[in-house]
Amino acid sequence: MVSRRTLVLALVALLIVIGLIGFARPGELAAVLAKADPRMVALAVASYTIAIAVFALIWHLLLRAVGLRLPFPENLRLVYSSVFFNVATPTASYGGEAVRAYLLAKRHGADPGLGISTIVAHRIAGTLAGSLASLAVGLYLVLAYPLPYFIPVLIILTSVLALLGFLLLLYLGLDLQRSKRLLARALPLVQRLGYKGGEGGAMAVLASYNKGLKTLSSKRGVLRSSLALGLVAWSLVNMVAVFSFRAVAPAAPQDLLVFTFYAVIRLVPTGLTEFVGSKEFLLTTLAALSGYSPAEAVGAVLVMRLATQAWMVILGGAATLSIGADWRPP
């Protein structure tokens, strides 16, 4: 049964879509989309598809570092499937991570804590690379363009908070005793919210998670490679925005602005489904303030979502179906 929270979030997302279309004026938006450059749309799709494959390669390296040796095609399939669940569920892009951890444990018999540690390390590598790169590009943007004061504040605040949040998660994972004390205090609340497991199981997972993170932290070469690949994937994802805006407004390229806006907005946490929500509203607003017409701004956002979320429903859904088709419980 669909929860009330999910219904409310879906309604909010629908209202945002209606508001964006109204802001762009349907007739003008239709004209912009009719003239969209299919080559740029194809480049946006390709850029996102390759970016997810690079993310899968990072996870492949992290899994091998803790002794979990899955074939890369299987890693890729799990990652594409997790992205599908990120798109399909209003969990601020964490629904897919839970599915990936579950499949890793149930399908491949991996220790749950060890598997979770690779997924969190995967998140940390991507967020650390993205936060630092967004901050660096954002600072250059502030110096190169005359922008309203709230834009650099948004860039700096979002990048720093995202970085600090994941560093805190990493610190707690490495400090086992402090994490156990925090878990013991938080467990009653978590159980009231629906968690059915006991304290012993939660502590065992935490201990495995701590062990996995310590193993990963000792693999400095793997971590350096993960950060480098994280920058590659970060660039490819943000180029989706550049290609999308080029598709609908080829005569007014402001690539650095679009690239940086999208990089920073992706760090903003929301409870809305990843398919559409407040991030689209923010990106449309910033683009319109930067000289794009409302129809161009909204058109580019729609192209972007076609190249990312809509495409991942197809590709990630196919990956998910293929996993179910050959499921063989260990």
Protein backbone atom coordinates (compact mmCIF):
# COMPACT_ATOMS: atom_id res chain seq x y z
CA MET A 1 0.00 0.00 0.00
CA VAL A 2 1.30 3.44 -0.88
CA SER A 3 2.16 5.49 2.21
CA ARG A 4 0.67 8.92 2.88
CA ARG A 5 4.15 10.44 2.74
CA THR A 6 4.73 9.04 -0.74
CA LEU A 7 1.40 10.38 -1.95
CA VAL A 8 2.14 13.84 -0.53
CA LEU A 9 5.58 13.93 -2.16
CA ALA A 10 4.13 12.77 -5.48
CA LEU A 11 1.53 15.54 -5.28
CA VAL A 12 4.21 18.14 -4.54
CA ALA A 13 6.25 16.90 -7.52
CA LEU A 14 3.19 17.10 -9.77
CA LEU A 15 2.46 20.65 -8.63
CA ILE A 16 6.07 21.63 -9.37
CA VAL A 17 5.76 20.19 -12.88
CA ILE A 18 2.54 22.12 -13.48
CA GLY A 19 4.14 25.27 -12.08
CA LEU A 20 7.21 24.94 -14.31
CA ILE A 21 5.09 24.41 -17.43
CA GLY A 22 2.97 27.42 -16.52
CA PHE A 23 6.11 29.48 -15.90
CA ALA A 24 7.44 28.59 -19.37
CA ARG A 25 4.05 29.03 -21.10
CA PRO A 26 2.96 25.79 -22.83
CA GLY A 27 3.02 27.19 -26.36
CA GLU A 28 6.55 28.60 -26.06
CA LEU A 29 7.77 25.45 -24.33
CA ALA A 30 6.34 23.24 -27.09
CA ALA A 31 8.08 25.37 -29.73
CA VAL A 32 11.42 25.10 -27.92
CA LEU A 33 11.14 21.32 -27.52
CA ALA A 34 10.11 20.89 -31.17
CA LYS A 35 13.40 22.48 -32.24
CA ALA A 36 15.57 20.53 -29.78
CA ASP A 37 18.80 19.24 -31.35
CA PRO A 38 18.61 15.41 -31.30
CA ARG A 39 22.42 15.15 -31.41
CA MET A 40 22.72 17.05 -28.14
CA VAL A 41 19.98 14.91 -26.60
CA ALA A 42 21.88 11.77 -27.65
CA LEU A 43 25.08 13.17 -26.15
CA ALA A 44 23.25 13.86 -22.88
CA VAL A 45 21.98 10.26 -22.76
CA ALA A 46 25.44 8.86 -23.58
CA SER A 47 27.18 11.08 -21.03
CA TYR A 48 24.88 9.93 -18.22
CA THR A 49 25.07 6.26 -19.21
CA ILE A 50 28.89 6.34 -19.20
CA ALA A 51 28.93 8.26 -15.91
CA ILE A 52 26.94 5.50 -14.18
CA ALA A 53 29.32 2.91 -15.67
CA VAL A 54 32.26 4.83 -14.17
CA PHE A 55 30.47 4.85 -10.79
CA ALA A 56 30.10 1.08 -11.15
CA LEU A 57 33.84 0.81 -11.80
CA ILE A 58 34.54 2.71 -8.57
CA TRP A 59 32.37 0.26 -6.64
CA HIS A 60 34.09 -2.62 -8.42
CA LEU A 61 37.46 -1.42 -7.07
CA LEU A 62 36.05 -0.97 -3.55
CA LEU A 63 34.49 -4.44 -3.55
CA ARG A 64 37.77 -6.02 -4.60
CA ALA A 65 39.58 -4.09 -1.86
CA VAL A 66 37.53 -5.87 0.82
CA GLY A 67 37.74 -9.27 -0.87
CA LEU A 68 34.34 -9.29 -2.64
CA ARG A 69 35.10 -10.32 -6.21
CA LEU A 70 32.06 -9.94 -8.42
CA PRO A 71 32.39 -9.84 -12.21
CA PHE A 72 32.24 -6.26 -13.44
CA PRO A 73 29.13 -6.88 -15.61
CA GLU A 74 27.31 -8.02 -12.46
CA ASN A 75 28.48 -4.91 -10.58
CA LEU A 76 27.26 -2.78 -13.47
CA ARG A 77 23.89 -4.51 -13.44
CA LEU A 78 23.46 -3.96 -9.69
CA VAL A 79 24.40 -0.29 -10.01
CA TYR A 80 22.00 0.35 -12.90
CA SER A 81 19.29 -1.41 -10.91
CA SER A 82 20.01 0.73 -7.84
CA VAL A 83 19.76 3.88 -9.96
CA PHE A 84 16.35 2.66 -11.16
CA PHE A 85 15.16 2.46 -7.54
CA ASN A 86 16.66 5.88 -6.82
CA VAL A 87 14.48 7.26 -9.61
CA ALA A 88 11.38 5.29 -8.68
CA THR A 89 11.28 5.90 -4.93
CA PRO A 90 11.00 9.22 -3.02
CA THR A 91 13.92 8.52 -0.69
CA ALA A 92 16.38 11.28 -1.63
CA SER A 93 18.37 8.78 -3.74
CA TYR A 94 18.97 6.28 -0.92
CA GLY A 95 16.34 3.68 -1.92
CA GLY A 96 18.66 2.20 -4.51
CA GLU A 97 21.53 1.92 -2.06
CA ALA A 98 19.38 -0.22 0.23
CA VAL A 99 18.41 -2.44 -2.71
CA ARG A 100 22.06 -2.78 -3.73
CA ALA A 101 23.07 -3.77 -0.18
CA TYR A 102 20.23 -6.31 -0.03
CA LEU A 103 21.11 -7.89 -3.38
CA LEU A 104 24.79 -8.02 -2.50
CA ALA A 105 24.00 -9.93 0.70
CA LYS A 106 21.16 -12.17 -0.52
CA ARG A 107 22.24 -12.78 -4.09
CA HIS A 108 26.00 -13.08 -3.54
CA GLY A 109 26.20 -14.05 0.14
CA ALA A 110 28.30 -11.01 1.13
CA ASP A 111 28.59 -10.01 4.77
CA PRO A 112 25.93 -7.25 5.22
CA GLY A 113 28.18 -4.86 7.12
CA LEU A 114 31.05 -5.38 4.72
CA GLY A 115 28.79 -4.76 1.74
CA ILE A 116 27.32 -1.63 3.34
CA SER A 117 30.82 -0.32 4.03
CA THR A 118 31.66 -0.48 0.30
CA ILE A 119 28.42 1.29 -0.60
CA VAL A 120 29.03 4.05 1.95
CA ALA A 121 32.66 4.35 0.83
CA HIS A 122 31.35 4.55 -2.74
CA ARG A 123 29.06 7.40 -1.69
CA ILE A 124 31.85 9.13 0.21
CA ALA A 125 34.28 8.93 -2.72
CA GLY A 126 31.69 10.35 -5.10
CA THR A 127 30.50 13.06 -2.73
CA LEU A 128 34.01 14.04 -1.65
CA ALA A 129 35.13 14.40 -5.27
CA GLY A 130 31.92 16.19 -6.25
CA SER A 131 31.86 18.55 -3.27
CA LEU A 132 35.47 19.66 -3.65
CA ALA A 133 35.15 20.01 -7.43
CA SER A 134 31.85 21.91 -7.14
CA LEU A 135 33.39 24.24 -4.61
CA ALA A 136 36.43 24.88 -6.82
CA VAL A 137 34.38 25.48 -9.98
CA GLY A 138 31.90 27.56 -8.01
CA LEU A 139 34.59 29.83 -6.65
CA TYR A 140 35.93 30.37 -10.16
CA LEU A 141 32.39 31.09 -11.34
CA VAL A 142 31.98 33.72 -8.63
CA LEU A 143 35.17 35.45 -9.80
CA ALA A 144 34.39 35.17 -13.53
CA TYR A 145 30.69 36.19 -13.58
CA PRO A 146 28.76 39.05 -11.94
CA LEU A 147 26.11 37.01 -10.10
CA PRO A 148 23.51 37.82 -7.43
CA TYR A 149 25.03 37.34 -3.98
CA PHE A 150 22.79 34.42 -3.03
CA ILE A 151 24.22 32.24 -5.83
CA PRO A 152 27.79 32.03 -4.47
CA VAL A 153 26.33 31.58 -0.99
CA LEU A 154 24.29 28.62 -2.30
CA ILE A 155 27.32 27.13 -4.02
CA ILE A 156 29.64 27.39 -1.03
CA LEU A 157 27.09 26.41 1.63
CA THR A 158 25.78 23.38 -0.27
CA SER A 159 29.25 22.07 -1.16
CA VAL A 160 30.63 22.47 2.36
CA LEU A 161 27.59 20.97 4.12
CA ALA A 162 27.52 17.94 1.79
CA LEU A 163 31.23 17.38 2.38
CA LEU A 164 30.95 17.72 6.17
CA GLY A 165 27.95 15.39 6.32
CA PHE A 166 29.73 12.55 4.58
CA LEU A 167 32.95 13.11 6.51
CA LEU A 168 30.92 12.83 9.72
CA LEU A 169 29.43 9.57 8.49
CA LEU A 170 32.93 8.30 7.70
CA TYR A 171 34.23 9.35 11.13
CA LEU A 172 31.40 7.60 12.97
CA GLY A 173 31.97 4.48 10.91
CA LEU A 174 35.63 4.36 11.92
CA ASP A 175 34.99 5.13 15.62
CA LEU A 176 33.27 1.88 16.60
CA GLN A 177 32.74 2.58 20.31
CA ARG A 178 31.18 5.99 19.77
CA SER A 179 29.01 4.59 16.98
CA LYS A 180 27.78 1.81 19.26
CA ARG A 181 26.79 4.32 21.93
CA LEU A 182 24.93 6.45 19.38
CA LEU A 183 23.23 3.38 17.91
CA ALA A 184 22.10 2.21 21.35
CA ARG A 185 20.47 5.59 21.95
CA ALA A 186 18.90 5.81 18.50
CA LEU A 187 17.69 2.20 18.23
CA PRO A 188 14.43 2.66 20.21
CA LEU A 189 13.41 5.52 17.92
CA VAL A 190 14.37 3.52 14.82
CA GLN A 191 12.36 0.55 16.08
CA ARG A 192 9.31 2.77 16.59
CA LEU A 193 9.68 3.87 12.96
CA GLY A 194 9.41 0.28 11.79
CA TYR A 195 12.83 -1.42 12.22
CA LYS A 196 12.14 -5.02 13.31
CA GLY A 197 15.67 -6.17 14.14
CA GLY A 198 17.15 -6.39 17.60
CA GLU A 199 20.15 -4.61 19.08
CA GLY A 200 22.45 -7.59 18.61
CA GLY A 201 21.92 -7.76 14.86
CA ALA A 202 22.30 -4.01 14.46
CA MET A 203 25.55 -4.04 16.45
CA ALA A 204 26.90 -6.94 14.36
CA VAL A 205 26.22 -5.04 11.14
CA LEU A 206 27.87 -1.95 12.64
CA ALA A 207 30.96 -3.97 13.58
CA SER A 208 31.23 -5.39 10.06
CA TYR A 209 30.75 -1.92 8.63
CA ASN A 210 33.55 -0.60 10.83
CA LYS A 211 35.82 -3.46 9.76
CA GLY A 212 35.10 -2.83 6.10
CA LEU A 213 35.79 0.90 6.36
CA LYS A 214 39.09 0.27 8.13
CA THR A 215 40.08 -2.17 5.42
CA LEU A 216 39.17 0.37 2.75
CA SER A 217 41.01 3.19 4.52
CA SER A 218 44.18 1.11 4.42
CA LYS A 219 43.90 0.73 0.63
CA ARG A 220 45.15 4.18 -0.25
CA GLY A 221 45.77 3.34 -3.89
CA VAL A 222 42.16 2.21 -4.29
CA LEU A 223 40.89 5.34 -2.57
CA ARG A 224 43.00 7.58 -4.78
CA SER A 225 41.73 5.77 -7.87
CA SER A 226 38.16 6.06 -6.57
CA LEU A 227 38.49 9.82 -6.09
CA ALA A 228 40.02 10.26 -9.55
CA LEU A 229 37.26 8.21 -11.16
CA GLY A 230 34.74 10.12 -9.04
CA LEU A 231 35.88 13.34 -10.70
CA VAL A 232 35.46 11.74 -14.13
CA ALA A 233 31.93 10.58 -13.30
CA TRP A 234 31.08 13.96 -11.73
CA SER A 235 32.17 15.73 -14.93
CA LEU A 236 30.17 13.39 -17.16
CA VAL A 237 27.00 13.79 -15.09
CA ASN A 238 27.27 17.58 -15.12
CA MET A 239 27.89 17.59 -18.87
CA VAL A 240 24.35 16.22 -19.19
CA ALA A 241 23.11 19.67 -18.18
CA VAL A 242 25.41 21.36 -20.69
CA PHE A 243 24.23 19.13 -23.55
CA SER A 244 20.59 19.58 -22.51
CA PHE A 245 20.82 23.37 -22.57
CA ARG A 246 22.73 23.24 -25.85
CA ALA A 247 19.89 21.12 -27.26
CA VAL A 248 17.27 23.81 -26.70
CA ALA A 249 19.36 27.01 -26.77
CA PRO A 250 22.34 26.50 -29.09
CA ALA A 251 22.67 30.25 -29.73
CA ALA A 252 23.19 31.10 -26.04
CA PRO A 253 25.75 28.71 -24.57
CA GLN A 254 26.72 29.55 -21.00
CA ASP A 255 28.32 26.21 -20.30
CA LEU A 256 30.23 27.09 -17.14
CA LEU A 257 27.13 28.55 -15.49
CA VAL A 258 24.98 25.54 -16.37
CA PHE A 259 27.70 23.05 -15.40
CA THR A 260 28.24 24.63 -11.98
CA PHE A 261 24.56 25.18 -11.21
CA TYR A 262 23.77 21.55 -11.90
CA ALA A 263 26.80 20.33 -9.94
CA VAL A 264 25.76 22.28 -6.85
CA ILE A 265 22.03 21.59 -7.09
CA ARG A 266 22.71 17.84 -7.23
CA LEU A 267 24.19 18.12 -3.73
CA VAL A 268 20.98 19.60 -2.31
CA PRO A 269 19.12 16.89 -0.33
CA THR A 270 15.37 16.61 -0.95
CA GLY A 271 12.71 14.15 0.10
CA LEU A 272 11.12 14.25 -3.33
CA THR A 273 11.47 11.51 -5.86
CA GLU A 274 14.54 12.02 -7.98
CA PHE A 275 12.42 12.18 -11.15
CA VAL A 276 11.26 15.74 -10.51
CA GLY A 277 11.16 18.12 -7.59
CA SER A 278 12.76 21.12 -5.98
CA LYS A 279 16.06 20.61 -7.83
CA GLU A 280 14.33 21.27 -11.13
CA PHE A 281 12.75 24.38 -9.69
CA LEU A 282 16.13 25.65 -8.47
CA LEU A 283 17.88 24.93 -11.76
CA THR A 284 15.12 26.58 -13.79
CA THR A 285 15.24 29.67 -11.58
CA LEU A 286 19.02 30.00 -11.76
CA ALA A 287 19.01 29.50 -15.54
CA ALA A 288 16.30 32.12 -16.02
CA LEU A 289 18.26 34.58 -13.85
CA SER A 290 21.33 33.89 -16.02
CA GLY A 291 19.72 34.96 -19.29
CA TYR A 292 17.86 31.93 -20.59
CA SER A 293 14.20 32.39 -21.43
CA PRO A 294 11.71 30.56 -19.17
CA ALA A 295 10.83 28.22 -22.06
CA GLU A 296 14.52 27.42 -22.69
CA ALA A 297 15.18 26.83 -18.99
CA VAL A 298 12.22 24.50 -18.51
CA GLY A 299 12.82 22.80 -21.87
CA ALA A 300 16.43 22.06 -20.92
CA VAL A 301 15.30 20.60 -17.59
CA LEU A 302 12.82 18.33 -19.37
CA VAL A 303 15.50 17.16 -21.82
CA MET A 304 17.82 16.57 -18.87
CA ARG A 305 15.25 14.41 -17.11
CA LEU A 306 14.61 12.49 -20.31
CA ALA A 307 18.34 11.77 -20.62
CA THR A 308 18.76 10.76 -16.98
CA GLN A 309 15.75 9.64 -14.95
CA ALA A 310 13.46 8.61 -17.82
CA TRP A 311 16.33 6.75 -19.53
CA MET A 312 17.25 5.05 -16.25
CA VAL A 313 13.68 3.82 -15.85
CA ILE A 314 14.25 1.95 -19.11
CA LEU A 315 17.87 0.85 -18.70
CA GLY A 316 17.76 0.35 -14.92
CA GLY A 317 14.38 -1.34 -15.17
CA ALA A 318 15.79 -3.77 -17.73
CA ALA A 319 18.74 -4.48 -15.40
CA THR A 320 16.34 -5.09 -12.50
CA LEU A 321 14.21 -7.46 -14.57
CA SER A 322 17.29 -9.38 -15.69
CA ILE A 323 18.38 -9.80 -12.06
CA GLY A 324 14.96 -11.18 -11.16
CA ALA A 325 14.89 -13.47 -14.20
CA ASP A 326 18.01 -15.40 -13.21
CA TRP A 327 17.68 -15.10 -9.41
CA ARG A 328 19.21 -18.07 -7.67
CA PRO A 329 19.14 -17.65 -3.86
CA PRO A 330 22.41 -18.83 -2.27
